[in-house]
Amino acid sequence: MYLSTGDVARKFGVTSATIRNWTDRGILKCERLWDGNRRYCEEDVEPILDAWNTYNEIFMKQERRNNND
């Protein structure tokens, strides 16, 4: 299944501009349509999304610990 830039942005909880930036930097890969729009293969997005979610969980736990000190 292919996702639009907006679909991917919603999954990550970031803006479409961030997804375009990540793509330009090589973090995400996409296919370009004839009209220049980007399409992302869900199979390529999911592992990066999993890593993103893991990072956010670790970060939030650390933040909670820091706030409780």
PDB file of N, CA and C in Angstrom:
ATOM      1  N   MET A   1       0.838  -1.174   0.000  1.00  0.00           N
ATOM      2  CA  MET A   1       0.000   0.000   0.000  1.00  0.00           C
ATOM      3  C   MET A   1       0.887   1.242   0.000  1.00  0.00           C
ATOM      4  N   TYR A   2       0.487   2.228  -0.760  1.00  0.00           N
ATOM      5  CA  TYR A   2       1.240   3.475  -0.846  1.00  0.00           C
ATOM      6  C   TYR A   2       0.542   4.578  -0.070  1.00  0.00           C
ATOM      7  N   LEU A   3       1.354   5.425   0.545  1.00  0.00           N
ATOM      8  CA  LEU A   3       0.857   6.506   1.384  1.00  0.00           C
ATOM      9  C   LEU A   3       1.294   7.851   0.809  1.00  0.00           C
ATOM     10  N   SER A   4       0.456   8.857   0.987  1.00  0.00           N
ATOM     11  CA  SER A   4       0.820  10.212   0.590  1.00  0.00           C
ATOM     12  C   SER A   4       1.720  10.831   1.662  1.00  0.00           C
ATOM     13  N   THR A   5       2.286  11.971   1.357  1.00  0.00           N
ATOM     14  CA  THR A   5       3.104  12.682   2.329  1.00  0.00           C
ATOM     15  C   THR A   5       2.283  13.009   3.574  1.00  0.00           C
ATOM     16  N   GLY A   6       1.050  13.438   3.387  1.00  0.00           N
ATOM     17  CA  GLY A   6       0.177  13.755   4.516  1.00  0.00           C
ATOM     18  C   GLY A   6      -0.132  12.536   5.367  1.00  0.00           C
ATOM     19  N   ASP A   7      -0.350  11.393   4.717  1.00  0.00           N
ATOM     20  CA  ASP A   7      -0.602  10.152   5.461  1.00  0.00           C
ATOM     21  C   ASP A   7       0.590   9.807   6.356  1.00  0.00           C
ATOM     22  N   VAL A   8       1.784   9.908   5.799  1.00  0.00           N
ATOM     23  CA  VAL A   8       2.991   9.583   6.562  1.00  0.00           C
ATOM     24  C   VAL A   8       3.174  10.586   7.704  1.00  0.00           C
ATOM     25  N   ALA A   9       2.927  11.846   7.422  1.00  0.00           N
ATOM     26  CA  ALA A   9       3.058  12.876   8.459  1.00  0.00           C
ATOM     27  C   ALA A   9       2.122  12.598   9.629  1.00  0.00           C
ATOM     28  N   ARG A  10       0.899  12.202   9.338  1.00  0.00           N
ATOM     29  CA  ARG A  10      -0.052  11.891  10.413  1.00  0.00           C
ATOM     30  C   ARG A  10       0.420  10.699  11.239  1.00  0.00           C
ATOM     31  N   LYS A  11       0.993   9.697  10.592  1.00  0.00           N
ATOM     32  CA  LYS A  11       1.490   8.527  11.334  1.00  0.00           C
ATOM     33  C   LYS A  11       2.601   8.925  12.309  1.00  0.00           C
ATOM     34  N   PHE A  12       3.470   9.837  11.874  1.00  0.00           N
ATOM     35  CA  PHE A  12       4.594  10.255  12.716  1.00  0.00           C
ATOM     36  C   PHE A  12       4.219  11.386  13.667  1.00  0.00           C
ATOM     37  N   GLY A  13       3.122  12.058  13.406  1.00  0.00           N
ATOM     38  CA  GLY A  13       2.739  13.196  14.234  1.00  0.00           C
ATOM     39  C   GLY A  13       3.587  14.432  13.959  1.00  0.00           C
ATOM     40  N   VAL A  14       4.002  14.584  12.711  1.00  0.00           N
ATOM     41  CA  VAL A  14       4.808  15.729  12.301  1.00  0.00           C
ATOM     42  C   VAL A  14       4.149  16.381  11.087  1.00  0.00           C
ATOM     43  N   THR A  15       4.732  17.457  10.602  1.00  0.00           N
ATOM     44  CA  THR A  15       4.175  18.134   9.439  1.00  0.00           C
ATOM     45  C   THR A  15       4.622  17.461   8.138  1.00  0.00           C
ATOM     46  N   SER A  16       3.900  17.765   7.073  1.00  0.00           N
ATOM     47  CA  SER A  16       4.292  17.262   5.748  1.00  0.00           C
ATOM     48  C   SER A  16       5.655  17.800   5.346  1.00  0.00           C
ATOM     49  N   ALA A  17       5.952  19.026   5.750  1.00  0.00           N
ATOM     50  CA  ALA A  17       7.260  19.608   5.442  1.00  0.00           C
ATOM     51  C   ALA A  17       8.382  18.790   6.081  1.00  0.00           C
ATOM     52  N   THR A  18       8.156  18.291   7.291  1.00  0.00           N
ATOM     53  CA  THR A  18       9.161  17.450   7.955  1.00  0.00           C
ATOM     54  C   THR A  18       9.374  16.164   7.173  1.00  0.00           C
ATOM     55  N   ILE A  19       8.304  15.554   6.700  1.00  0.00           N
ATOM     56  CA  ILE A  19       8.429  14.321   5.915  1.00  0.00           C
ATOM     57  C   ILE A  19       9.187  14.594   4.619  1.00  0.00           C
ATOM     58  N   ARG A  20       8.892  15.694   3.952  1.00  0.00           N
ATOM     59  CA  ARG A  20       9.624  16.043   2.728  1.00  0.00           C
ATOM     60  C   ARG A  20      11.103  16.252   3.042  1.00  0.00           C
ATOM     61  N   ASN A  21      11.395  16.911   4.163  1.00  0.00           N
ATOM     62  CA  ASN A  21      12.777  17.138   4.576  1.00  0.00           C
ATOM     63  C   ASN A  21      13.485  15.815   4.827  1.00  0.00           C
ATOM     64  N   TRP A  22      12.841  14.921   5.570  1.00  0.00           N
ATOM     65  CA  TRP A  22      13.427  13.610   5.852  1.00  0.00           C
ATOM     66  C   TRP A  22      13.684  12.845   4.560  1.00  0.00           C
ATOM     67  N   THR A  23      12.777  12.976   3.601  1.00  0.00           N
ATOM     68  CA  THR A  23      12.954  12.298   2.313  1.00  0.00           C
ATOM     69  C   THR A  23      14.148  12.888   1.576  1.00  0.00           C
ATOM     70  N   ASP A  24      14.241  14.203   1.549  1.00  0.00           N
ATOM     71  CA  ASP A  24      15.364  14.862   0.869  1.00  0.00           C
ATOM     72  C   ASP A  24      16.699  14.502   1.510  1.00  0.00           C
ATOM     73  N   ARG A  25      16.681  14.225   2.823  1.00  0.00           N
ATOM     74  CA  ARG A  25      17.909  13.853   3.546  1.00  0.00           C
ATOM     75  C   ARG A  25      18.196  12.356   3.475  1.00  0.00           C
ATOM     76  N   GLY A  26      17.297  11.571   2.871  1.00  0.00           N
ATOM     77  CA  GLY A  26      17.521  10.144   2.706  1.00  0.00           C
ATOM     78  C   GLY A  26      17.027   9.291   3.859  1.00  0.00           C
ATOM     79  N   ILE A  27      16.311   9.876   4.815  1.00  0.00           N
ATOM     80  CA  ILE A  27      15.798   9.113   5.951  1.00  0.00           C
ATOM     81  C   ILE A  27      14.629   8.230   5.512  1.00  0.00           C
ATOM     82  N   LEU A  28      13.774   8.782   4.679  1.00  0.00           N
ATOM     83  CA  LEU A  28      12.660   8.028   4.089  1.00  0.00           C
ATOM     84  C   LEU A  28      12.857   7.990   2.586  1.00  0.00           C
ATOM     85  N   LYS A  29      12.386   6.932   1.974  1.00  0.00           N
ATOM     86  CA  LYS A  29      12.446   6.904   0.519  1.00  0.00           C
ATOM     87  C   LYS A  29      11.028   6.917  -0.041  1.00  0.00           C
ATOM     88  N   CYS A  30      10.920   7.481  -1.228  1.00  0.00           N
ATOM     89  CA  CYS A  30       9.607   7.582  -1.852  1.00  0.00           C
ATOM     90  C   CYS A  30       9.738   7.385  -3.353  1.00  0.00           C
ATOM     91  N   GLU A  31       8.597   7.254  -3.971  1.00  0.00           N
ATOM     92  CA  GLU A  31       8.513   7.266  -5.422  1.00  0.00           C
ATOM     93  C   GLU A  31       7.827   8.559  -5.809  1.00  0.00           C
ATOM     94  N   ARG A  32       8.268   9.135  -6.906  1.00  0.00           N
ATOM     95  CA  ARG A  32       7.656  10.363  -7.399  1.00  0.00           C
ATOM     96  C   ARG A  32       6.657  10.023  -8.493  1.00  0.00           C
ATOM     97  N   LEU A  33       5.501  10.623  -8.404  1.00  0.00           N
ATOM     98  CA  LEU A  33       4.489  10.478  -9.440  1.00  0.00           C
ATOM     99  C   LEU A  33       4.786  11.455 -10.564  1.00  0.00           C
ATOM    100  N   TRP A  34       4.111  11.289 -11.669  1.00  0.00           N
ATOM    101  CA  TRP A  34       4.337  12.145 -12.838  1.00  0.00           C
ATOM    102  C   TRP A  34       4.122  13.618 -12.518  1.00  0.00           C
ATOM    103  N   ASP A  35       3.256  13.903 -11.535  1.00  0.00           N
ATOM    104  CA  ASP A  35       2.956  15.297 -11.192  1.00  0.00           C
ATOM    105  C   ASP A  35       3.852  15.840 -10.074  1.00  0.00           C
ATOM    106  N   GLY A  36       4.848  15.054  -9.650  1.00  0.00           N
ATOM    107  CA  GLY A  36       5.791  15.499  -8.636  1.00  0.00           C
ATOM    108  C   GLY A  36       5.422  15.106  -7.220  1.00  0.00           C
ATOM    109  N   ASN A  37       4.197  14.622  -7.020  1.00  0.00           N
ATOM    110  CA  ASN A  37       3.803  14.176  -5.683  1.00  0.00           C
ATOM    111  C   ASN A  37       4.607  12.948  -5.277  1.00  0.00           C
ATOM    112  N   ARG A  38       4.763  12.790  -3.982  1.00  0.00           N
ATOM    113  CA  ARG A  38       5.542  11.675  -3.450  1.00  0.00           C
ATOM    114  C   ARG A  38       4.596  10.602  -2.919  1.00  0.00           C
ATOM    115  N   ARG A  39       4.986   9.362  -3.118  1.00  0.00           N
ATOM    116  CA  ARG A  39       4.254   8.227  -2.556  1.00  0.00           C
ATOM    117  C   ARG A  39       5.251   7.356  -1.822  1.00  0.00           C
ATOM    118  N   TYR A  40       4.838   6.962  -0.622  1.00  0.00           N
ATOM    119  CA  TYR A  40       5.695   6.177   0.260  1.00  0.00           C
ATOM    120  C   TYR A  40       5.108   4.784   0.404  1.00  0.00           C
ATOM    121  N   CYS A  41       5.950   3.782   0.250  1.00  0.00           N
ATOM    122  CA  CYS A  41       5.536   2.402   0.436  1.00  0.00           C
ATOM    123  C   CYS A  41       5.420   2.147   1.941  1.00  0.00           C
ATOM    124  N   GLU A  42       4.263   1.662   2.362  1.00  0.00           N
ATOM    125  CA  GLU A  42       4.027   1.423   3.786  1.00  0.00           C
ATOM    126  C   GLU A  42       5.084   0.493   4.382  1.00  0.00           C
ATOM    127  N   GLU A  43       5.547  -0.474   3.598  1.00  0.00           N
ATOM    128  CA  GLU A  43       6.573  -1.418   4.084  1.00  0.00           C
ATOM    129  C   GLU A  43       7.899  -0.712   4.379  1.00  0.00           C
ATOM    130  N   ASP A  44       8.177   0.389   3.686  1.00  0.00           N
ATOM    131  CA  ASP A  44       9.395   1.162   3.946  1.00  0.00           C
ATOM    132  C   ASP A  44       9.219   2.085   5.145  1.00  0.00           C
ATOM    133  N   VAL A  45       8.010   2.566   5.353  1.00  0.00           N
ATOM    134  CA  VAL A  45       7.733   3.525   6.418  1.00  0.00           C
ATOM    135  C   VAL A  45       7.666   2.846   7.786  1.00  0.00           C
ATOM    136  N   GLU A  46       7.074   1.666   7.845  1.00  0.00           N
ATOM    137  CA  GLU A  46       6.805   1.016   9.140  1.00  0.00           C
ATOM    138  C   GLU A  46       8.040   0.810  10.016  1.00  0.00           C
ATOM    139  N   PRO A  47       9.179   0.316   9.498  1.00  0.00           N
ATOM    140  CA  PRO A  47      10.346   0.135  10.381  1.00  0.00           C
ATOM    141  C   PRO A  47      10.855   1.465  10.960  1.00  0.00           C
ATOM    142  N   ILE A  48      10.789   2.511  10.169  1.00  0.00           N
ATOM    143  CA  ILE A  48      11.242   3.819  10.645  1.00  0.00           C
ATOM    144  C   ILE A  48      10.251   4.361  11.663  1.00  0.00           C
ATOM    145  N   LEU A  49       8.971   4.126  11.435  1.00  0.00           N
ATOM    146  CA  LEU A  49       7.945   4.542  12.389  1.00  0.00           C
ATOM    147  C   LEU A  49       8.113   3.798  13.710  1.00  0.00           C
ATOM    148  N   ASP A  50       8.419   2.522  13.647  1.00  0.00           N
ATOM    149  CA  ASP A  50       8.666   1.748  14.874  1.00  0.00           C
ATOM    150  C   ASP A  50       9.845   2.334  15.662  1.00  0.00           C
ATOM    151  N   ALA A  51      10.919   2.667  14.961  1.00  0.00           N
ATOM    152  CA  ALA A  51      12.084   3.264  15.624  1.00  0.00           C
ATOM    153  C   ALA A  51      11.726   4.628  16.213  1.00  0.00           C
ATOM    154  N   TRP A  52      10.946   5.403  15.485  1.00  0.00           N
ATOM    155  CA  TRP A  52      10.496   6.716  15.954  1.00  0.00           C
ATOM    156  C   TRP A  52       9.678   6.579  17.241  1.00  0.00           C
ATOM    157  N   ASN A  53       8.761   5.628  17.242  1.00  0.00           N
ATOM    158  CA  ASN A  53       7.927   5.411  18.427  1.00  0.00           C
ATOM    159  C   ASN A  53       8.752   4.948  19.619  1.00  0.00           C
ATOM    160  N   THR A  54       9.725   4.079  19.379  1.00  0.00           N
ATOM    161  CA  THR A  54      10.607   3.614  20.454  1.00  0.00           C
ATOM    162  C   THR A  54      11.402   4.783  21.026  1.00  0.00           C
ATOM    163  N   TYR A  55      11.947   5.608  20.159  1.00  0.00           N
ATOM    164  CA  TYR A  55      12.691   6.785  20.608  1.00  0.00           C
ATOM    165  C   TYR A  55      11.800   7.681  21.464  1.00  0.00           C
ATOM    166  N   ASN A  56      10.586   7.938  21.001  1.00  0.00           N
ATOM    167  CA  ASN A  56       9.677   8.810  21.742  1.00  0.00           C
ATOM    168  C   ASN A  56       9.302   8.223  23.102  1.00  0.00           C
ATOM    169  N   GLU A  57       9.125   6.909  23.179  1.00  0.00           N
ATOM    170  CA  GLU A  57       8.834   6.271  24.465  1.00  0.00           C
ATOM    171  C   GLU A  57       9.989   6.466  25.441  1.00  0.00           C
ATOM    172  N   ILE A  58      11.208   6.258  24.976  1.00  0.00           N
ATOM    173  CA  ILE A  58      12.387   6.425  25.826  1.00  0.00           C
ATOM    174  C   ILE A  58      12.511   7.887  26.260  1.00  0.00           C
ATOM    175  N   PHE A  59      12.315   8.788  25.332  1.00  0.00           N
ATOM    176  CA  PHE A  59      12.406  10.210  25.637  1.00  0.00           C
ATOM    177  C   PHE A  59      11.370  10.623  26.677  1.00  0.00           C
ATOM    178  N   MET A  60      10.136  10.161  26.510  1.00  0.00           N
ATOM    179  CA  MET A  60       9.065  10.528  27.439  1.00  0.00           C
ATOM    180  C   MET A  60       9.331   9.950  28.837  1.00  0.00           C
ATOM    181  N   LYS A  61       9.859   8.730  28.915  1.00  0.00           N
ATOM    182  CA  LYS A  61      10.199   8.153  30.221  1.00  0.00           C
ATOM    183  C   LYS A  61      11.269   8.994  30.910  1.00  0.00           C
ATOM    184  N   GLN A  62      12.262   9.407  30.146  1.00  0.00           N
ATOM    185  CA  GLN A  62      13.331  10.242  30.707  1.00  0.00           C
ATOM    186  C   GLN A  62      12.774  11.576  31.174  1.00  0.00           C
ATOM    187  N   GLU A  63      11.883  12.165  30.403  1.00  0.00           N
ATOM    188  CA  GLU A  63      11.274  13.432  30.781  1.00  0.00           C
ATOM    189  C   GLU A  63      10.473  13.302  32.080  1.00  0.00           C
ATOM    190  N   ARG A  64       9.729  12.206  32.209  1.00  0.00           N
ATOM    191  CA  ARG A  64       8.954  11.976  33.428  1.00  0.00           C
ATOM    192  C   ARG A  64       9.888  11.838  34.633  1.00  0.00           C
ATOM    193  N   ARG A  65      10.989  11.116  34.445  1.00  0.00           N
ATOM    194  CA  ARG A  65      11.965  10.958  35.531  1.00  0.00           C
ATOM    195  C   ARG A  65      12.559  12.310  35.923  1.00  0.00           C
ATOM    196  N   ASN A  66      12.898  13.102  34.941  1.00  0.00           N
ATOM    197  CA  ASN A  66      13.487  14.425  35.207  1.00  0.00           C
ATOM    198  C   ASN A  66      12.486  15.342  35.928  1.00  0.00           C
ATOM    199  N   ASN A  67      11.227  15.230  35.591  1.00  0.00           N
ATOM    200  CA  ASN A  67      10.206  16.064  36.212  1.00  0.00           C
ATOM    201  C   ASN A  67       9.892  15.625  37.636  1.00  0.00           C
ATOM    202  N   ASN A  68      10.155  14.363  37.933  1.00  0.00           N
ATOM    203  CA  ASN A  68       9.889  13.850  39.289  1.00  0.00           C
ATOM    204  C   ASN A  68      11.043  14.113  40.250  1.00  0.00           C
ATOM    205  N   ASP A  69      12.184  14.499  39.712  1.00  0.00           N
ATOM    206  CA  ASP A  69      13.362  14.769  40.576  1.00  0.00           C
ATOM    207  C   ASP A  69      13.250  16.108  41.256  1.00  0.00           C
TER     208      ASP A  69
END
